[in-house]
């Protein structure tokens, strides 16, 4: 086993893999990386399996010292990294020798940077995953200075690329696709979700992205005052509390909820929301040409899938 010593952690650094599946019936959520695509890319760069554990770094500010030679990559939010003070590329393969220090600046765009190390972070698995679930407290504690992370055995596969060309992470308006349902019929004006823009609130985290209205467009309004029984909710569900301001459920979301879900974000856009900063604007793009009955069926299917 080789290892790395954590010197600084930035605002929040967590061990994450692709999450723990198969435990929703027991009340345990999936959790895992908020931007799964970036974690997968980092693991491919260093020759790991895509589900190997890495470190999810909020904003940046992480620094570490290699105890043995390690091969690593940074992906996701493009914070500049340095090896003993020398800049190294983002989404590229970096080799650090024993004693060398790797330091990550704060990202100018995006929200979460991922550190992957060849061999993966070898903290103990809990219920089949090494992920930290901030809602339930399951998984390893947030990293702190002087922690030493073990790195797993070197995989057989070799890195195939030195640098991965990736679409840049921006702070511009995000177009997010949404399928209405399963509870769109609980709203007098569900279509207002796709009218105008919303902004990510400062009161957002790995559990959910809370949205504030931008401009003069109306908020979502309930069609009745009836209470909704608690039901299963999927990753990407857009739940609407009485305020009319939506919450998009992210990686550490609860598995059930009592507020109506007006729609579900397309899975392909979840990772982009994991990089959305407070203040960044969102424009929802609704599925067109689908009858409400079909929309509701799709939403109900998503909710049922969350309980598997």
Protein backbone atom coordinates (compact mmCIF):
# COMPACT_ATOMS: atom_id res chain seq x y z
CA UNK A 1 0.00 0.00 0.00
CA UNK A 2 1.10 3.55 -0.73
CA UNK A 3 -0.44 6.64 0.75
CA UNK A 4 -0.82 10.40 0.71
CA UNK A 5 -0.76 12.83 3.63
CA UNK A 6 -3.44 15.52 3.59
CA UNK A 7 -2.00 18.97 4.35
CA UNK A 8 -5.01 21.21 3.62
CA UNK A 9 -8.58 20.36 2.68
CA UNK A 10 -10.21 23.58 1.41
CA UNK A 11 -13.85 24.18 2.46
CA UNK A 12 -14.84 20.49 2.22
CA UNK A 13 -13.12 17.41 0.84
CA UNK A 14 -14.90 14.05 0.84
CA UNK A 15 -14.07 10.53 -0.29
CA UNK A 16 -16.57 9.54 -3.01
CA UNK A 17 -17.07 6.71 -5.46
CA UNK A 18 -20.19 6.03 -7.56
CA UNK A 19 -22.29 5.29 -4.49
CA UNK A 20 -23.94 2.42 -2.64
CA UNK A 21 -26.75 0.72 -4.53
CA UNK A 22 -29.32 -1.85 -3.45
CA UNK A 23 -30.12 -0.42 0.01
CA UNK A 24 -32.97 2.01 -0.66
CA UNK A 25 -35.52 -0.40 0.83
CA UNK A 26 -33.52 -0.18 4.06
CA UNK A 27 -33.59 3.61 4.00
CA UNK A 28 -30.00 4.11 2.81
CA UNK A 29 -29.50 6.41 -0.17
CA UNK A 30 -27.03 5.96 -3.03
CA UNK A 31 -24.89 9.07 -2.40
CA UNK A 32 -21.64 9.03 -4.45
CA UNK A 33 -19.97 11.74 -6.52
CA UNK A 34 -22.14 14.79 -7.29
CA UNK A 35 -20.52 14.91 -10.75
CA UNK A 36 -20.24 11.25 -11.69
CA UNK A 37 -18.93 12.00 -15.17
CA UNK A 38 -15.86 13.83 -13.82
CA UNK A 39 -15.04 11.06 -11.33
CA UNK A 40 -15.32 8.45 -14.09
CA UNK A 41 -13.03 10.48 -16.35
CA UNK A 42 -10.41 10.88 -13.63
CA UNK A 43 -10.40 7.15 -12.94
CA UNK A 44 -10.02 6.35 -16.63
CA UNK A 45 -7.10 8.76 -16.88
CA UNK A 46 -5.12 6.97 -14.16
CA UNK A 47 -6.12 3.45 -15.27
CA UNK A 48 -8.60 2.68 -12.48
CA UNK A 49 -12.01 1.13 -12.84
CA UNK A 50 -14.61 3.89 -13.17
CA UNK A 51 -16.09 3.16 -9.75
CA UNK A 52 -12.84 3.56 -7.78
CA UNK A 53 -12.96 6.03 -4.91
CA UNK A 54 -11.45 9.49 -5.29
CA UNK A 55 -11.68 12.79 -3.43
CA UNK A 56 -14.43 15.34 -4.16
CA UNK A 57 -13.07 18.82 -3.40
CA UNK A 58 -15.49 21.70 -2.91
CA UNK A 59 -14.15 24.83 -4.68
CA UNK A 60 -10.48 23.77 -4.33
CA UNK A 61 -7.82 24.46 -1.70
CA UNK A 62 -6.64 20.86 -1.21
CA UNK A 63 -2.96 20.08 -0.76
CA UNK A 64 -1.24 16.74 -0.09
CA UNK A 65 2.19 15.16 0.20
CA UNK A 66 3.02 11.90 -1.58
CA UNK A 67 4.50 9.21 0.67
CA UNK A 68 5.33 7.00 -2.29
CA UNK A 69 5.30 7.59 -6.03
CA UNK A 70 1.70 8.14 -7.11
CA UNK A 71 -0.07 8.76 -10.41
CA UNK A 72 -2.98 11.18 -10.14
CA UNK A 73 -5.38 13.39 -12.07
CA UNK A 74 -7.68 16.33 -11.34
CA UNK A 75 -10.99 16.59 -13.20
CA UNK A 76 -14.24 18.53 -12.85
CA UNK A 77 -14.07 22.20 -11.84
CA UNK A 78 -10.82 23.49 -13.40
CA UNK A 79 -8.80 24.56 -10.35
CA UNK A 80 -5.10 25.02 -11.19
CA UNK A 81 -2.88 22.34 -9.64
CA UNK A 82 0.82 22.60 -8.79
CA UNK A 83 3.47 19.94 -8.22
CA UNK A 84 6.14 21.40 -5.92
CA UNK A 85 5.09 24.84 -7.15
CA UNK A 86 5.16 23.96 -10.87
CA UNK A 87 1.79 24.19 -12.70
CA UNK A 88 0.39 20.93 -14.07
CA UNK A 89 -2.48 20.37 -16.47
CA UNK A 90 -6.13 19.81 -15.64
CA UNK A 91 -7.71 16.53 -16.79
CA UNK A 92 -4.20 15.20 -17.32
CA UNK A 93 -1.98 12.51 -15.78
CA UNK A 94 0.50 13.72 -13.14
CA UNK A 95 3.21 11.66 -11.39
CA UNK A 96 4.33 12.74 -7.91
CA UNK A 97 7.45 11.27 -6.31
CA UNK A 98 7.81 10.59 -2.56
CA UNK A 99 7.87 13.85 -0.60
CA UNK A 100 6.51 16.01 -3.40
CA UNK A 101 3.60 18.31 -2.58
CA UNK A 102 0.54 18.67 -4.78
CA UNK A 103 -1.49 21.85 -4.23
CA UNK A 104 -4.81 22.83 -5.74
CA UNK A 105 -5.92 26.45 -6.11
CA UNK A 106 -9.56 27.55 -6.00
CA UNK A 107 -11.59 26.97 -9.15
CA UNK A 108 -12.64 30.03 -11.20
CA UNK A 109 -15.67 28.14 -12.58
CA UNK A 110 -17.63 25.10 -11.48
CA UNK A 111 -17.98 23.86 -7.92
CA UNK A 112 -16.34 20.46 -7.43
CA UNK A 113 -12.91 19.18 -8.47
CA UNK A 114 -12.11 15.46 -8.32
CA UNK A 115 -8.78 13.94 -7.35
CA UNK A 116 -8.21 10.38 -8.54
CA UNK A 117 -5.11 8.36 -7.72
CA UNK A 118 -3.99 5.20 -9.49
CA UNK A 119 -5.12 2.35 -7.23
CA UNK A 120 -8.02 4.31 -5.75
CA UNK A 121 -8.55 5.62 -2.23
CA UNK A 122 -8.62 2.51 -0.03
CA UNK A 123 -10.78 3.55 2.93
CA UNK A 124 -13.02 0.73 4.25
CA UNK A 125 -16.26 0.07 2.40
CA UNK A 126 -19.56 0.53 4.22
CA UNK A 127 -22.52 -1.26 2.60
CA UNK A 128 -20.45 -1.79 -0.52
CA UNK A 129 -19.26 1.81 -1.02
CA UNK A 130 -16.54 4.16 0.16
CA UNK A 131 -18.71 7.26 -0.33
CA UNK A 132 -19.48 9.83 2.34
CA UNK A 133 -23.22 10.48 2.66
CA UNK A 134 -23.58 13.92 4.26
CA UNK A 135 -27.29 13.40 5.00
CA UNK A 136 -27.07 10.09 6.87
CA UNK A 137 -23.47 10.34 8.10
CA UNK A 138 -22.62 6.96 6.57
CA UNK A 139 -19.09 6.63 5.20
CA UNK A 140 -15.73 8.17 6.04
CA UNK A 141 -15.57 11.52 7.81
CA UNK A 142 -14.67 14.65 5.83
CA UNK A 143 -10.93 14.90 5.31
CA UNK A 144 -8.86 17.01 7.71
CA UNK A 145 -5.19 18.07 7.84
CA UNK A 146 -2.76 15.29 8.87
CA UNK A 147 -5.05 12.52 7.61
CA UNK A 148 -3.21 9.79 5.71
CA UNK A 149 -5.14 8.14 2.91
CA UNK A 150 -4.12 4.67 1.81
CA UNK A 151 -4.02 3.99 -1.90
CA UNK A 152 -5.06 0.59 -3.20
CA UNK A 153 -3.03 -1.88 -5.26
CA UNK A 154 -1.88 -0.77 -8.68
CA UNK A 155 -4.40 -1.92 -11.31
CA UNK A 156 -3.38 -4.04 -14.27
CA UNK A 157 -4.64 -1.51 -16.83
CA UNK A 158 -2.36 1.32 -17.95
CA UNK A 159 -3.45 4.94 -18.53
CA UNK A 160 -4.22 5.37 -22.24
CA UNK A 161 -4.08 9.19 -22.43
CA UNK A 162 -1.94 11.94 -20.96
CA UNK A 163 -4.60 14.62 -21.35
CA UNK A 164 -8.38 14.35 -21.90
CA UNK A 165 -10.09 17.00 -24.04
CA UNK A 166 -13.20 18.01 -22.11
CA UNK A 167 -15.88 20.63 -22.54
CA UNK A 168 -15.04 23.54 -20.21
CA UNK A 169 -17.09 24.08 -17.07
CA UNK A 170 -18.67 27.55 -17.21
CA UNK A 171 -20.63 29.82 -14.90
CA UNK A 172 -23.12 30.66 -17.65
CA UNK A 173 -26.80 29.77 -17.73
CA UNK A 174 -27.42 26.00 -17.68
CA UNK A 175 -30.13 24.52 -19.89
CA UNK A 176 -31.51 21.62 -17.86
CA UNK A 177 -33.91 19.11 -19.40
CA UNK A 178 -36.90 18.07 -17.31
CA UNK A 179 -39.71 15.53 -17.62
CA UNK A 180 -42.88 16.72 -15.89
CA UNK A 181 -44.48 14.49 -13.24
CA UNK A 182 -45.32 12.55 -11.23
CA UNK A 183 -47.18 15.31 -9.35
CA UNK A 184 -47.42 18.09 -11.94
CA UNK A 185 -51.21 17.87 -11.59
CA UNK A 186 -50.87 19.19 -8.03
CA UNK A 187 -49.90 22.62 -9.42
CA UNK A 188 -52.08 25.30 -10.95
CA UNK A 189 -49.21 26.47 -13.18
CA UNK A 190 -46.63 23.68 -13.68
CA UNK A 191 -45.57 25.27 -16.99
CA UNK A 192 -44.04 28.21 -15.11
CA UNK A 193 -41.12 25.91 -14.25
CA UNK A 194 -39.90 26.24 -17.84
CA UNK A 195 -40.62 29.97 -18.12
CA UNK A 196 -37.87 32.45 -17.34
CA UNK A 197 -34.88 31.54 -15.22
CA UNK A 198 -34.01 30.32 -11.75
CA UNK A 199 -30.82 30.87 -9.75
CA UNK A 200 -29.02 28.41 -7.46
CA UNK A 201 -29.42 29.56 -3.87
CA UNK A 202 -26.58 29.92 -1.38
CA UNK A 203 -28.60 27.45 0.72
CA UNK A 204 -27.58 24.51 -1.48
CA UNK A 205 -25.41 21.46 -0.82
CA UNK A 206 -24.94 17.81 -1.83
CA UNK A 207 -28.49 17.07 -0.65
CA UNK A 208 -30.20 19.50 -2.98
CA UNK A 209 -29.89 22.64 -5.09
CA UNK A 210 -32.43 25.20 -3.87
CA UNK A 211 -33.58 27.64 -6.51
CA UNK A 212 -34.59 31.30 -6.33
CA UNK A 213 -36.75 32.98 -8.96
CA UNK A 214 -35.00 35.41 -11.34
CA UNK A 215 -37.08 38.31 -12.67
CA UNK A 216 -40.85 38.74 -12.52
CA UNK A 217 -42.06 35.29 -13.56
CA UNK A 218 -44.48 33.70 -11.11
CA UNK A 219 -43.60 30.99 -8.62
CA UNK A 220 -45.12 27.52 -8.71
CA UNK A 221 -48.53 27.46 -7.04
CA UNK A 222 -50.33 24.48 -5.57
CA UNK A 223 -53.72 23.72 -7.09
CA UNK A 224 -55.04 22.60 -3.71
CA UNK A 225 -54.00 22.63 -0.09
CA UNK A 226 -54.20 18.88 0.38
CA UNK A 227 -51.27 17.13 2.03
CA UNK A 228 -49.34 14.59 -0.04
CA UNK A 229 -48.44 11.24 1.57
CA UNK A 230 -44.71 10.59 1.81
CA UNK A 231 -43.46 8.75 -1.28
CA UNK A 232 -40.23 7.71 -2.94
CA UNK A 233 -38.20 10.35 -4.77
CA UNK A 234 -35.50 9.83 -7.37
CA UNK A 235 -32.19 11.57 -7.98
CA UNK A 236 -32.99 14.76 -9.90
CA UNK A 237 -36.54 15.09 -8.54
CA UNK A 238 -37.74 18.71 -8.42
CA UNK A 239 -39.64 18.98 -5.17
CA UNK A 240 -41.66 22.13 -4.45
CA UNK A 241 -42.30 23.25 -0.84
CA UNK A 242 -45.09 25.73 0.03
CA UNK A 243 -42.80 28.66 -0.85
CA UNK A 244 -43.12 27.73 -4.55
CA UNK A 245 -39.32 27.75 -4.95
CA UNK A 246 -38.08 24.35 -6.21
CA UNK A 247 -35.42 22.10 -4.73
CA UNK A 248 -33.56 19.72 -7.06
CA UNK A 249 -32.48 16.56 -5.22
CA UNK A 250 -28.78 15.76 -5.69
CA UNK A 251 -26.43 12.95 -4.62
CA UNK A 252 -27.23 12.83 -0.89
CA UNK A 253 -30.98 13.41 -1.24
CA UNK A 254 -33.49 11.69 1.08
CA UNK A 255 -35.16 8.67 -0.46
CA UNK A 256 -38.69 9.83 0.41
CA UNK A 257 -40.40 13.21 0.47
CA UNK A 258 -43.72 14.75 1.35
CA UNK A 259 -43.80 17.75 -1.00
CA UNK A 260 -45.05 17.24 -4.57
CA UNK A 261 -42.50 16.57 -7.30
CA UNK A 262 -43.35 18.70 -10.34
CA UNK A 263 -40.74 17.05 -12.56
CA UNK A 264 -37.53 15.03 -12.76
CA UNK A 265 -34.28 16.26 -14.31
CA UNK A 266 -32.89 14.14 -17.15
CA UNK A 267 -30.13 11.92 -15.77
CA UNK A 268 -27.64 13.24 -18.34
CA UNK A 269 -27.95 16.73 -16.80
CA UNK A 270 -27.52 15.76 -13.14
CA UNK A 271 -23.71 16.00 -13.30
CA UNK A 272 -23.95 19.56 -14.68
CA UNK A 273 -26.08 20.54 -11.68
CA UNK A 274 -23.37 19.09 -9.43
CA UNK A 275 -21.07 21.83 -10.76
CA UNK A 276 -23.59 24.71 -10.48
CA UNK A 277 -22.43 27.50 -8.18
CA UNK A 278 -24.65 29.64 -5.95
CA UNK A 279 -25.98 32.47 -8.09
CA UNK A 280 -25.61 30.53 -11.33
CA UNK A 281 -28.78 30.61 -13.41
CA UNK A 282 -30.79 27.65 -14.71
CA UNK A 283 -33.30 27.46 -17.54
CA UNK A 284 -35.50 24.36 -17.56
CA UNK A 285 -36.27 22.80 -20.94
CA UNK A 286 -39.48 20.73 -20.81
CA UNK A 287 -40.25 17.65 -22.85
CA UNK A 288 -42.56 18.72 -25.68
CA UNK A 289 -45.35 16.82 -27.40
CA UNK A 290 -46.04 14.51 -24.47
CA UNK A 291 -49.53 14.23 -23.02
CA UNK A 292 -49.87 14.81 -19.29
CA UNK A 293 -50.85 11.17 -18.74
CA UNK A 294 -47.63 10.00 -20.37
CA UNK A 295 -45.61 12.55 -18.41
CA UNK A 296 -47.13 11.38 -15.16
CA UNK A 297 -46.38 7.76 -16.02
CA UNK A 298 -42.71 8.59 -16.69
CA UNK A 299 -42.44 10.43 -13.40
CA UNK A 300 -44.06 7.61 -11.46
CA UNK A 301 -41.61 5.18 -13.03
CA UNK A 302 -38.71 7.35 -11.86
CA UNK A 303 -40.11 7.45 -8.32
CA UNK A 304 -40.56 3.68 -8.26
CA UNK A 305 -37.02 3.16 -9.55
CA UNK A 306 -35.68 5.14 -6.59
CA UNK A 307 -36.93 2.42 -4.22
CA UNK A 308 -35.09 -0.46 -5.89
